[in-house]
Protein backbone atom coordinates (compact mmCIF):
# COMPACT_ATOMS: atom_id res chain seq x y z
CA MET A 1 -162.52 -106.14 -90.31
CA ASP A 2 -162.00 -103.94 -87.05
CA SER A 3 -160.32 -100.91 -86.85
CA TYR A 4 -157.16 -101.99 -85.76
CA ASN A 5 -156.85 -104.24 -88.71
CA TRP A 6 -157.39 -101.08 -91.06
CA LEU A 7 -154.80 -99.42 -89.20
CA ASN A 8 -152.18 -102.06 -89.77
CA TRP A 9 -153.30 -102.19 -93.27
CA GLY A 10 -153.00 -98.17 -93.63
CA LEU A 11 -149.31 -98.72 -92.05
CA LEU A 12 -148.61 -101.37 -94.36
CA LEU A 13 -149.34 -99.80 -97.36
CA GLY A 14 -148.09 -96.03 -96.40
CA SER A 15 -144.72 -98.20 -95.81
CA PHE A 16 -144.92 -99.78 -99.25
CA ALA A 17 -145.51 -96.04 -101.05
CA VAL A 18 -142.22 -94.96 -98.89
CA LEU A 19 -140.29 -98.03 -100.11
CA ILE A 20 -141.20 -97.59 -103.87
CA TYR A 21 -140.62 -94.16 -103.67
CA ILE A 22 -137.17 -94.80 -102.45
CA GLY A 23 -136.77 -97.09 -105.11
CA TYR A 24 -137.73 -94.37 -107.78
CA ALA A 25 -135.26 -91.76 -106.20
CA SER A 26 -132.74 -94.28 -106.15
CA SER A 27 -133.19 -95.31 -109.79
CA ARG A 28 -131.26 -91.90 -110.77
CA THR A 29 -127.81 -94.05 -109.72
CA VAL A 30 -128.83 -96.85 -111.52
CA LYS A 31 -128.88 -94.73 -114.83
CA SER A 32 -124.87 -95.14 -115.23
CA ASP A 33 -122.57 -95.81 -118.03
CA ASP A 34 -121.51 -99.30 -116.53
CA ALA A 35 -123.14 -102.01 -114.28
CA SER A 36 -121.73 -100.30 -111.05
CA GLY A 37 -124.78 -98.60 -110.97
CA PHE A 38 -127.43 -101.20 -110.27
CA LEU A 39 -124.76 -103.65 -109.03
CA VAL A 40 -122.98 -101.72 -106.26
CA ALA A 41 -124.82 -98.43 -105.99
CA GLY A 42 -122.30 -96.47 -107.73
CA ARG A 43 -119.90 -97.07 -104.96
CA SER A 44 -121.64 -94.17 -103.26
CA LEU A 45 -122.39 -95.51 -99.64
CA GLY A 46 -121.42 -93.11 -96.85
CA PRO A 47 -120.59 -94.22 -93.35
CA PHE A 48 -124.25 -94.22 -91.65
CA VAL A 49 -125.83 -95.90 -94.87
CA GLY A 50 -123.32 -98.38 -95.14
CA ALA A 51 -123.46 -99.20 -91.52
CA GLY A 52 -127.24 -99.15 -91.86
CA THR A 53 -127.92 -101.77 -94.72
CA ILE A 54 -124.84 -103.96 -93.07
CA VAL A 55 -126.83 -104.57 -89.86
CA ALA A 56 -129.90 -104.51 -91.10
CA THR A 57 -129.17 -106.97 -93.68
CA GLY A 58 -127.53 -109.18 -90.57
CA PHE A 59 -129.97 -108.82 -88.10
CA SER A 60 -133.21 -110.04 -90.27
CA GLY A 61 -136.14 -112.52 -90.21
CA TRP A 62 -133.90 -115.00 -88.52
CA GLY A 63 -133.09 -112.15 -85.70
CA PHE A 64 -136.79 -110.98 -85.51
CA MET A 65 -138.79 -114.31 -86.27
CA GLY A 66 -136.47 -117.33 -86.32
CA SER A 67 -133.87 -116.29 -83.06
CA PRO A 68 -136.92 -115.79 -80.63
CA GLY A 69 -137.92 -119.06 -81.86
CA VAL A 70 -134.65 -120.43 -80.92
CA ALA A 71 -134.51 -118.71 -77.53
CA PHE A 72 -138.11 -120.26 -76.90
CA GLU A 73 -136.86 -123.65 -77.58
CA PHE A 74 -133.48 -123.90 -76.69
CA GLY A 75 -132.96 -120.89 -73.95
CA ALA A 76 -130.75 -118.45 -72.87
CA ILE A 77 -127.87 -119.96 -75.12
CA GLU A 78 -129.38 -118.44 -77.98
CA ILE A 79 -128.89 -114.81 -76.26
CA LEU A 80 -125.30 -115.23 -76.22
CA GLY A 81 -125.05 -116.88 -79.35
CA ASN A 82 -126.93 -113.75 -81.01
CA PHE A 83 -124.80 -111.35 -79.60
CA PHE A 84 -121.65 -112.28 -80.88
CA PHE A 85 -122.94 -110.91 -84.62
CA ALA A 86 -122.23 -107.48 -83.42
CA PRO A 87 -118.71 -107.56 -82.36
CA ALA A 88 -118.13 -109.69 -85.46
CA MET A 89 -119.65 -107.23 -87.99
CA VAL A 90 -117.41 -104.56 -86.19
CA ILE A 91 -113.98 -106.68 -86.46
CA ALA A 92 -115.01 -107.30 -90.38
CA VAL A 93 -115.55 -103.47 -90.87
CA LEU A 94 -112.39 -102.59 -89.46
CA TYR A 95 -109.83 -105.09 -90.55
CA PHE A 96 -111.40 -106.86 -93.77
CA ALA A 97 -113.78 -104.18 -95.44
CA SER A 98 -111.15 -101.75 -96.44
CA PHE A 99 -108.99 -104.32 -98.15
CA LEU A 100 -111.94 -105.99 -99.57
CA ARG A 101 -113.01 -102.80 -101.22
CA LYS A 102 -109.84 -101.47 -102.43
CA GLN A 103 -109.20 -104.79 -103.83
CA ALA A 104 -112.17 -105.20 -105.85
CA ASP A 105 -112.18 -101.45 -106.73
CA SER A 106 -108.58 -101.86 -108.46
CA LEU A 107 -109.99 -105.02 -110.65
CA GLY A 108 -113.56 -103.10 -111.33
CA SER A 109 -115.44 -105.97 -109.71
CA CYS A 110 -118.91 -105.36 -109.16
CA THR A 111 -119.80 -108.54 -107.67
CA ILE A 112 -118.36 -111.29 -105.56
CA PRO A 113 -118.10 -114.17 -108.10
CA GLN A 114 -116.79 -111.48 -110.33
CA TYR A 115 -114.17 -110.69 -107.83
CA ILE A 116 -113.01 -114.19 -107.35
CA ALA A 117 -112.63 -114.77 -111.07
CA GLN A 118 -110.67 -111.70 -111.49
CA LEU A 119 -108.53 -112.32 -108.69
CA HIS A 120 -107.66 -115.76 -110.05
CA GLY A 121 -106.50 -115.20 -113.43
CA SER A 122 -108.25 -114.64 -116.88
CA GLY A 123 -109.34 -116.64 -119.82
CA PRO A 124 -111.66 -119.57 -120.32
CA LEU A 125 -110.86 -121.02 -116.64
CA SER A 126 -111.30 -117.98 -114.90
CA ARG A 127 -114.78 -117.79 -116.67
CA LEU A 128 -115.34 -121.00 -115.27
CA VAL A 129 -114.72 -119.92 -111.66
CA GLN A 130 -117.24 -117.04 -111.98
CA ALA A 131 -119.83 -119.20 -113.44
CA VAL A 132 -119.44 -121.60 -110.75
CA ALA A 133 -119.18 -119.20 -108.08
CA ALA A 134 -122.65 -117.61 -109.40
CA LEU A 135 -124.66 -121.01 -109.57
CA ILE A 136 -123.64 -121.78 -106.07
CA SER A 137 -124.60 -118.66 -104.96
CA ILE A 138 -127.96 -118.52 -106.77
CA VAL A 139 -128.83 -122.20 -105.31
CA LEU A 140 -127.78 -121.30 -101.78
CA LEU A 141 -129.07 -118.10 -101.27
CA LEU A 142 -132.52 -119.35 -103.20
CA VAL A 143 -132.59 -121.47 -99.88
CA PHE A 144 -132.12 -118.68 -97.64
CA LEU A 145 -134.52 -116.56 -99.67
CA THR A 146 -137.08 -119.38 -98.92
CA SER A 147 -136.87 -119.02 -95.17
CA GLN A 148 -136.98 -115.21 -95.60
CA ILE A 149 -139.95 -115.06 -97.56
CA LYS A 150 -141.88 -117.45 -95.35
CA ALA A 151 -141.05 -115.31 -92.23
CA VAL A 152 -142.18 -112.11 -93.71
CA GLY A 153 -145.35 -114.17 -94.93
CA LEU A 154 -145.90 -115.72 -91.44
CA LEU A 155 -145.58 -112.32 -89.84
CA GLY A 156 -147.70 -110.84 -92.45
CA ALA A 157 -150.75 -113.17 -92.28
CA SER A 158 -150.49 -112.85 -88.27
CA TRP A 159 -150.69 -109.24 -88.63
CA LEU A 160 -153.29 -108.74 -91.27
CA GLY A 161 -155.45 -111.73 -90.87
CA ILE A 162 -154.89 -113.04 -94.39
CA ASP A 163 -153.28 -116.51 -95.41
CA LEU A 164 -149.78 -117.10 -95.87
CA GLY A 165 -149.89 -117.52 -99.76
CA ASN A 166 -151.30 -114.00 -100.14
CA SER A 167 -149.15 -112.30 -97.62
CA ALA A 168 -145.73 -113.67 -99.06
CA ALA A 169 -146.95 -112.90 -102.52
CA MET A 170 -147.80 -109.07 -101.43
CA MET A 171 -144.63 -108.78 -99.66
CA ILE A 172 -142.27 -110.51 -101.98
CA GLY A 173 -144.14 -108.14 -104.97
CA VAL A 174 -143.23 -104.82 -103.25
CA ILE A 175 -139.37 -106.14 -102.69
CA ILE A 176 -139.09 -106.81 -106.34
CA LEU A 177 -140.61 -103.64 -107.40
CA TYR A 178 -138.31 -101.02 -105.34
CA THR A 179 -135.06 -103.59 -106.10
CA MET A 180 -135.62 -103.50 -109.89
CA LEU A 181 -136.11 -99.90 -109.81
CA GLY A 182 -132.92 -99.03 -107.71
CA GLY A 183 -130.65 -101.84 -107.52
CA LEU A 184 -128.51 -101.83 -104.58
CA ALA A 185 -128.84 -97.99 -103.98
CA ALA A 186 -132.46 -98.52 -103.50
CA VAL A 187 -131.67 -101.90 -101.05
CA ALA A 188 -129.12 -100.04 -98.99
CA TRP A 189 -131.22 -96.92 -98.64
CA THR A 190 -134.26 -98.84 -97.61
CA ASP A 191 -132.28 -100.99 -95.30
CA THR A 192 -131.03 -97.86 -93.35
CA LEU A 193 -134.53 -96.30 -93.02
CA MET A 194 -135.61 -99.90 -92.05
CA VAL A 195 -132.66 -100.36 -89.11
CA CYS A 196 -133.64 -97.47 -87.84
CA GLY A 197 -137.32 -98.88 -87.07
CA MET A 198 -136.07 -101.92 -85.81
CA ALA A 199 -133.85 -100.20 -83.63
CA VAL A 200 -136.94 -98.58 -82.28
CA GLY A 201 -138.90 -101.64 -82.30
CA ALA A 202 -136.19 -103.37 -79.69
CA VAL A 203 -136.00 -100.50 -77.60
CA VAL A 204 -139.74 -100.73 -77.01
CA MET A 205 -140.14 -104.49 -76.84
CA MET A 206 -137.40 -104.62 -74.09
CA LEU A 207 -138.97 -101.73 -72.02
CA GLN A 208 -142.19 -103.50 -72.53
CA MET A 209 -141.27 -107.00 -71.37
CA PHE A 210 -138.77 -105.90 -68.24
CA THR A 211 -141.55 -103.47 -66.89
CA ASP A 212 -144.01 -106.35 -66.79
CA LEU A 213 -141.30 -109.05 -65.59
CA SER A 214 -138.21 -108.10 -63.91
CA PRO A 215 -135.02 -109.80 -64.97
CA ALA A 216 -135.16 -111.61 -61.75
CA GLU A 217 -138.81 -112.37 -62.21
CA LEU A 218 -137.81 -113.82 -65.73
CA PHE A 219 -135.00 -115.99 -64.70
CA ALA A 220 -137.25 -117.60 -61.66
CA ARG A 221 -140.06 -118.46 -63.95
CA LEU A 222 -137.84 -120.14 -66.57
CA ASP A 223 -135.64 -121.94 -63.90
CA ALA A 224 -138.98 -123.10 -62.46
CA LEU A 225 -139.83 -124.72 -65.80
CA ASP A 226 -136.80 -126.17 -66.85
CA PRO A 227 -133.33 -125.18 -65.34
CA ALA A 228 -131.65 -126.02 -68.70
CA LEU A 229 -133.42 -122.98 -70.29
CA LEU A 230 -130.67 -120.63 -68.02
CA ASN A 231 -128.20 -123.23 -67.44
CA PRO A 232 -127.88 -125.40 -70.36
CA VAL A 233 -126.32 -128.85 -70.71
CA THR A 234 -125.14 -128.50 -73.96
CA ALA A 235 -124.89 -125.54 -76.54
CA GLN A 236 -127.45 -126.82 -78.92
CA PRO A 237 -128.48 -125.92 -81.34
CA TYR A 238 -124.78 -124.53 -81.95
CA GLY A 239 -123.18 -127.79 -80.56
CA GLU A 240 -122.90 -130.54 -77.68
CA GLU A 241 -120.22 -128.73 -75.97
CA LYS A 242 -120.99 -125.71 -73.66
CA SER A 243 -118.00 -124.17 -75.74
CA SER A 244 -119.56 -124.51 -78.77
CA VAL A 245 -121.57 -121.26 -78.77
CA PHE A 246 -118.32 -119.23 -78.95
CA LEU A 247 -118.08 -120.66 -82.56
CA VAL A 248 -120.47 -118.21 -83.41
CA LEU A 249 -117.91 -115.28 -83.30
CA PRO A 250 -115.76 -116.64 -86.23
CA TYR A 251 -118.59 -117.87 -87.87
CA ALA A 252 -120.56 -114.33 -87.70
CA PHE A 253 -117.10 -112.81 -88.54
CA LEU A 254 -116.87 -114.64 -91.95
CA PHE A 255 -120.53 -114.42 -92.31
CA THR A 256 -120.10 -110.71 -92.61
CA ALA A 257 -116.85 -110.68 -94.53
CA VAL A 258 -117.14 -113.50 -97.30
CA LEU A 259 -120.93 -114.23 -97.89
CA PRO A 260 -121.68 -112.34 -101.21
CA TYR A 261 -124.97 -110.59 -100.05
CA MET A 262 -123.05 -109.28 -97.50
CA ALA A 263 -119.53 -108.33 -98.49
CA VAL A 264 -120.94 -106.54 -101.51
CA ARG A 265 -121.55 -103.83 -99.26
CA PHE A 266 -118.04 -103.16 -98.65
CA LEU A 267 -117.63 -103.09 -102.47
CA ALA A 268 -120.35 -100.37 -102.54
CA LEU A 269 -119.14 -97.82 -100.09
CA LYS A 270 -117.80 -94.62 -101.02
CA PRO A 271 -113.64 -94.33 -102.19
CA GLY A 272 -112.03 -92.91 -99.01
CA VAL A 273 -114.50 -93.62 -96.69
CA LYS A 274 -113.26 -94.22 -93.12
CA PHE A 275 -114.22 -97.49 -91.85
CA HIS A 276 -113.82 -96.63 -88.18
CA GLN A 277 -116.77 -94.46 -88.93
CA VAL A 278 -118.88 -97.10 -90.25
CA ALA A 279 -117.84 -99.57 -87.16
CA ILE A 280 -119.07 -96.56 -84.60
CA TRP A 281 -122.32 -97.02 -86.32
CA VAL A 282 -122.30 -100.80 -86.72
CA ALA A 283 -121.79 -101.15 -82.70
CA PRO A 284 -124.53 -99.53 -81.10
CA LEU A 285 -127.23 -100.76 -83.50
CA GLY A 286 -125.87 -104.56 -83.68
CA CYS A 287 -125.69 -104.68 -79.78
CA LEU A 288 -129.30 -103.27 -79.58
CA LEU A 289 -130.61 -105.82 -82.05
CA SER A 290 -128.77 -108.42 -80.32
CA LEU A 291 -131.35 -108.16 -77.37
CA VAL A 292 -134.42 -109.03 -79.77
CA PRO A 293 -134.13 -113.03 -78.93
CA ILE A 294 -135.16 -112.09 -75.05
CA VAL A 295 -138.52 -111.94 -76.61
CA GLY A 296 -138.48 -115.99 -76.88
CA LEU A 297 -137.61 -116.38 -73.36
CA TYR A 298 -140.34 -114.04 -72.13
CA VAL A 299 -143.22 -115.88 -74.13
CA ARG A 300 -141.75 -118.98 -72.78
CA ALA A 301 -142.16 -117.91 -69.37
CA LYS A 302 -145.68 -116.63 -69.98
CA HIS A 303 -147.13 -119.06 -72.35
CA PRO A 304 -144.80 -122.00 -72.17
CA GLU A 305 -147.33 -124.54 -73.84
CA LEU A 306 -147.06 -122.61 -77.17
CA ALA A 307 -146.93 -125.51 -79.73
CA ASP A 308 -144.77 -123.70 -82.48
CA ALA A 309 -141.51 -122.11 -81.35
CA ASP A 310 -141.32 -119.90 -84.42
CA GLN A 311 -144.58 -118.56 -83.45
CA ALA A 312 -142.98 -116.87 -80.17
CA MET A 313 -142.50 -113.34 -82.06
CA PRO A 314 -146.15 -113.44 -83.49
CA TYR A 315 -147.82 -114.39 -80.23
CA TYR A 316 -145.86 -111.88 -78.20
CA LEU A 317 -147.15 -109.05 -80.68
CA SER A 318 -150.77 -109.98 -80.75
CA HIS A 319 -151.00 -110.77 -76.84
CA TYR A 320 -148.67 -108.72 -75.06
CA LEU A 321 -148.33 -105.10 -76.87
CA HIS A 322 -151.54 -102.66 -77.53
CA PRO A 323 -152.78 -103.39 -81.13
CA VAL A 324 -151.56 -99.73 -82.14
CA LEU A 325 -148.06 -100.56 -80.72
CA GLY A 326 -148.22 -103.76 -81.55
CA GLY A 327 -149.19 -102.77 -85.13
CA THR A 328 -146.06 -100.28 -85.53
CA ILE A 329 -143.61 -103.08 -84.06
CA THR A 330 -144.94 -105.59 -86.59
CA LEU A 331 -143.89 -103.16 -89.22
CA PHE A 332 -140.64 -102.82 -88.25
CA ILE A 333 -140.12 -106.37 -87.63
CA LEU A 334 -141.50 -106.58 -91.23
CA PHE A 335 -138.58 -104.02 -92.28
CA ALA A 336 -136.09 -106.33 -90.91
CA MET A 337 -137.28 -109.40 -92.67
CA LYS A 338 -137.45 -107.18 -96.28
CA SER A 339 -133.92 -105.73 -95.47
CA THR A 340 -132.69 -109.33 -95.99
CA ALA A 341 -134.93 -110.35 -98.51
CA ASN A 342 -133.89 -107.34 -100.63
CA SER A 343 -130.28 -107.90 -100.22
CA LEU A 344 -130.70 -111.63 -100.93
CA LEU A 345 -132.94 -110.88 -104.03
CA HIS A 346 -130.49 -108.46 -105.21
CA THR A 347 -127.27 -110.96 -105.09
CA ILE A 348 -129.15 -113.55 -106.71
CA SER A 349 -130.16 -111.69 -109.81
CA SER A 350 -126.62 -110.04 -109.99
CA ALA A 351 -125.20 -113.64 -110.11
CA ALA A 352 -127.70 -114.69 -112.72
CA SER A 353 -127.60 -111.57 -114.96
CA HIS A 354 -124.08 -110.18 -114.31
CA ASP A 355 -121.89 -113.21 -113.56
CA LEU A 356 -123.51 -115.92 -115.60
CA ARG A 357 -123.99 -113.55 -118.56
CA LEU A 358 -120.34 -112.25 -118.51
CA ALA A 359 -119.26 -115.93 -117.72
CA LEU A 360 -120.83 -117.35 -120.79
CA PHE A 361 -120.90 -114.43 -123.35
CA PRO A 362 -117.82 -112.39 -122.45
CA ASN A 363 -117.70 -110.62 -125.62
CA SER A 364 -121.74 -110.09 -125.93
CA GLY A 365 -121.14 -106.16 -126.15
CA ALA A 366 -124.53 -105.28 -124.87
CA SER A 367 -125.45 -101.98 -124.53
CA SER A 368 -125.93 -100.41 -120.84
CA GLU A 369 -129.80 -100.11 -121.37
CA ARG A 370 -130.04 -103.96 -122.23
CA VAL A 371 -127.56 -104.95 -119.31
CA LEU A 372 -130.06 -102.86 -116.76
CA TRP A 373 -133.06 -104.30 -118.48
CA ILE A 374 -131.36 -108.02 -117.93
CA ASN A 375 -130.88 -107.18 -114.39
CA ARG A 376 -134.31 -105.81 -113.57
CA SER A 377 -135.67 -109.06 -115.46
CA ALA A 378 -133.58 -111.27 -113.21
CA VAL A 379 -134.80 -109.31 -109.98
CA ALA A 380 -138.67 -110.31 -111.02
CA LEU A 381 -138.07 -113.99 -112.48
CA LEU A 382 -135.97 -115.20 -109.24
CA GLY A 383 -138.15 -113.03 -106.71
CA LEU A 384 -141.07 -115.43 -107.97
CA THR A 385 -139.07 -118.45 -108.06
CA GLY A 386 -138.44 -117.72 -104.28
CA LEU A 387 -142.12 -117.45 -103.67
CA LEU A 388 -143.03 -120.81 -105.17
CA MET A 389 -140.07 -122.36 -103.49
CA MET A 390 -141.77 -121.17 -100.16
CA LEU A 391 -145.51 -122.00 -101.49
CA TYR A 392 -144.06 -125.77 -102.02
CA ALA A 393 -141.26 -126.66 -99.47
CA PRO A 394 -141.86 -129.10 -96.72
CA PRO A 395 -141.85 -127.63 -93.01
CA PHE A 396 -138.70 -126.41 -91.48
CA MET A 397 -137.37 -124.28 -88.95
CA LEU A 398 -136.85 -120.73 -89.99
CA SER A 399 -133.18 -120.49 -88.76
CA TRP A 400 -132.00 -123.95 -89.65
CA LEU A 401 -132.90 -123.19 -93.26
CA GLY A 402 -131.29 -120.05 -92.95
CA ILE A 403 -128.07 -121.77 -91.68
CA LEU A 404 -127.95 -124.49 -94.27
CA GLY A 405 -128.14 -121.75 -96.97
CA THR A 406 -125.68 -118.99 -95.50
CA GLY A 407 -123.33 -121.59 -93.65
CA THR A 408 -122.81 -123.99 -96.51
CA LEU A 409 -122.14 -120.59 -98.88
CA LEU A 410 -119.69 -119.24 -95.99
CA ALA A 411 -117.88 -122.56 -96.62
CA VAL A 412 -117.99 -122.43 -100.45
CA MET A 413 -116.44 -118.76 -100.15
CA ILE A 414 -113.76 -118.78 -97.48
CA GLY A 415 -111.13 -120.10 -99.52
CA PRO A 416 -111.36 -117.60 -102.68
CA VAL A 417 -112.42 -114.67 -100.77
CA PHE A 418 -110.88 -114.38 -97.62
CA ILE A 419 -107.62 -116.90 -97.43
CA SER A 420 -107.01 -115.15 -100.81
CA SER A 421 -106.16 -111.95 -98.93
CA ILE A 422 -103.67 -113.63 -96.85
CA TRP A 423 -102.22 -116.34 -99.40
CA ARG A 424 -103.03 -116.18 -103.15
CA GLY A 425 -103.94 -119.39 -104.96
CA ASN A 426 -105.16 -119.93 -108.58
CA SER A 427 -108.42 -120.92 -110.40
CA TYR A 428 -107.99 -124.84 -109.75
CA GLY A 429 -107.63 -123.95 -106.01
CA ALA A 430 -110.47 -121.83 -106.02
CA LEU A 431 -112.69 -124.48 -108.08
CA ALA A 432 -111.75 -127.47 -105.78
CA ALA A 433 -112.53 -124.89 -102.44
CA MET A 434 -115.77 -124.16 -103.66
CA PHE A 435 -117.00 -127.60 -104.58
CA SER A 436 -115.19 -129.08 -101.18
CA GLY A 437 -117.02 -126.23 -98.92
CA LEU A 438 -120.21 -127.11 -100.65
CA VAL A 439 -120.01 -130.94 -99.84
CA THR A 440 -118.49 -130.71 -96.65
CA SER A 441 -121.01 -128.17 -94.75
CA GLY A 442 -124.01 -129.17 -96.91
CA GLY A 443 -123.46 -132.94 -96.02
CA CYS A 444 -122.64 -132.00 -92.01
CA LEU A 445 -126.02 -129.74 -91.61
CA LEU A 446 -128.29 -132.38 -93.83
CA LEU A 447 -126.74 -136.04 -92.76
CA THR A 448 -125.18 -135.49 -88.99
CA ASP A 449 -126.33 -134.01 -85.81
CA LEU A 450 -123.49 -131.54 -85.72
CA GLY A 451 -124.24 -128.10 -84.25
CA TRP A 452 -125.59 -125.48 -86.39
CA VAL A 453 -122.24 -123.64 -86.72
CA GLU A 454 -119.98 -126.76 -86.19
CA GLY A 455 -120.90 -128.14 -89.80
CA PRO A 456 -120.06 -124.90 -91.59
CA LEU A 457 -116.81 -124.01 -89.78
CA ILE A 458 -115.87 -127.67 -90.66
CA GLY A 459 -116.41 -126.96 -94.33
CA CYS A 460 -114.72 -123.84 -93.73
CA ALA A 461 -111.35 -125.48 -92.56
CA VAL A 462 -111.85 -128.22 -95.46
CA SER A 463 -112.20 -125.50 -98.19
CA SER A 464 -109.43 -123.40 -96.70
CA PHE A 465 -107.07 -126.84 -96.88
CA MET A 466 -108.03 -127.70 -100.49
CA TYR A 467 -107.54 -124.14 -101.71
CA VAL A 468 -103.93 -123.77 -100.72
CA ALA A 469 -103.27 -127.39 -101.20
CA VAL A 470 -104.78 -127.88 -104.64
CA SER A 471 -103.08 -123.94 -105.55
CA GLN A 472 -99.88 -125.83 -104.65
CA LEU A 473 -100.13 -128.88 -106.65
CA THR A 474 -101.07 -127.08 -109.77
CA LEU A 475 -98.97 -124.34 -109.40
CA SER A 476 -97.08 -125.05 -112.70
CA ARG A 477 -100.22 -125.08 -114.76
CA SER A 478 -101.79 -121.88 -113.42
CA PRO A 479 -102.51 -119.72 -116.36
CA ARG A 480 -100.61 -116.38 -116.29
CA THR A 481 -102.51 -113.42 -116.16
CA GLN A 482 -103.46 -112.11 -119.78
CA SER A 483 -103.93 -108.29 -121.13
CA THR A 484 -107.80 -107.72 -119.84
CA GLY A 485 -107.29 -104.06 -119.18
CA LEU A 486 -107.13 -105.11 -115.21
CA PRO A 487 -103.87 -104.16 -112.96
CA ARG A 488 -101.35 -106.42 -113.03
CA GLN A 489 -102.04 -109.36 -110.74
CA GLU A 490 -99.57 -110.92 -108.42
CA PRO A 491 -97.78 -114.07 -108.75
CA GLN A 492 -100.42 -116.76 -107.82
CA GLY A 493 -99.47 -118.96 -105.46
CA GLN A 494 -97.41 -115.99 -103.30
CA PRO A 495 -97.77 -115.05 -100.03
CA ARG A 496 -99.21 -111.50 -99.91
CA SER A 497 -97.05 -108.40 -98.66
CA GLN A 498 -99.99 -106.82 -96.95
CA ALA A 499 -99.88 -107.62 -93.29
CA SER A 500 -103.01 -105.82 -92.23
CA HIS A 501 -106.39 -105.41 -94.14
CA GLY A 502 -107.79 -102.43 -92.45
């Protein structure tokens, strides 16, 4: 083992110690008299930490491993597609986050499945809604978690000179440990540390690439290899028409606004937080990290014979940066992957330990200590499940598998989370929206040649229609809100009076 490999191990183990300490420090937030400590960080996140965890979670393994691979394969269209995530996140923070946070706070919701259930009534049907939302979230986010574990495992294996299985097991083991200790507080605090490293890494990579090759030289080399890399005939992988890439903007907005592992961050912000202050931090961080896919174009220009597109980033780090600098940047990229993996793991375990528990045993009366033990046990169990799924999964492209999980869940959640903010349906409409979104988006991605964002957006349209149509058809059967200790609900099937969500 050479000196640089020892340095890599030292950087990794040092970062592990810091992350575990942050998990331990944040565990004081977990010690709460209700579930909010573990699930929503005691609603304690300020503007900078809130922005840090939103951006770190949105730009992650797909952004630092998958997206450069897509740029290597399909060209500059990925740079434009990836850039849309930054403004979409800002729009979601400014125009939806405040509404969702206030509504969830008034209901006492600690997760998105619980929010959906409480928003649409009470009683057995409401519990069914919560259970269905939780189960679908678990299945689809486990799919995405599989891609994140593989991404972090691939990079760790290349960096440390070990095999994929050992690398993935080590990485997910640390994520499990600090997530168990501190819940969402640990996830958010570590995400904020990670996004700072990610931003530094993006700056260093841009400086290295454009010092070596000017933009004009880069474009000339790419044009000589294949003119379609810079002037694409289609918007693949987003769709056949060139304009399909612009669908990424609404897709990314909904990605931020309604996906459970993203939207739960809005629930965790402090009461009274100024959302324009959150957006001020989200905008520059998001724009900076949107540049990372340029690495894929750079590697395509320098080494076009690379066999595996997903190896574009590991190849760049090992061949174009000094080992010390490459090791440090690799650590920052591992941070990026961990930031989404820990968010996914926390959301999946919350759906299992909180939402399914309440749906199946609403009157269990478990103590706060027992609930915390259940939450932590779910983190360990589901983290190991994700590792096993990764080890035995067939070959897949990282970004595509991420879209399959998140895009389909987007179509599942749009009706009961987003459309309900404009027009309130009922439990039957929520169930119809979730099942129709699941079948439509999943079918489009698995069984057709539609673009990566086209299938989920078609699923969103179908899900939204079913939410409204089924709610209208079953209006007379809608259960009235019972006395549950929650604020009185508005009549279901009625337009909301709020014109703005900001």
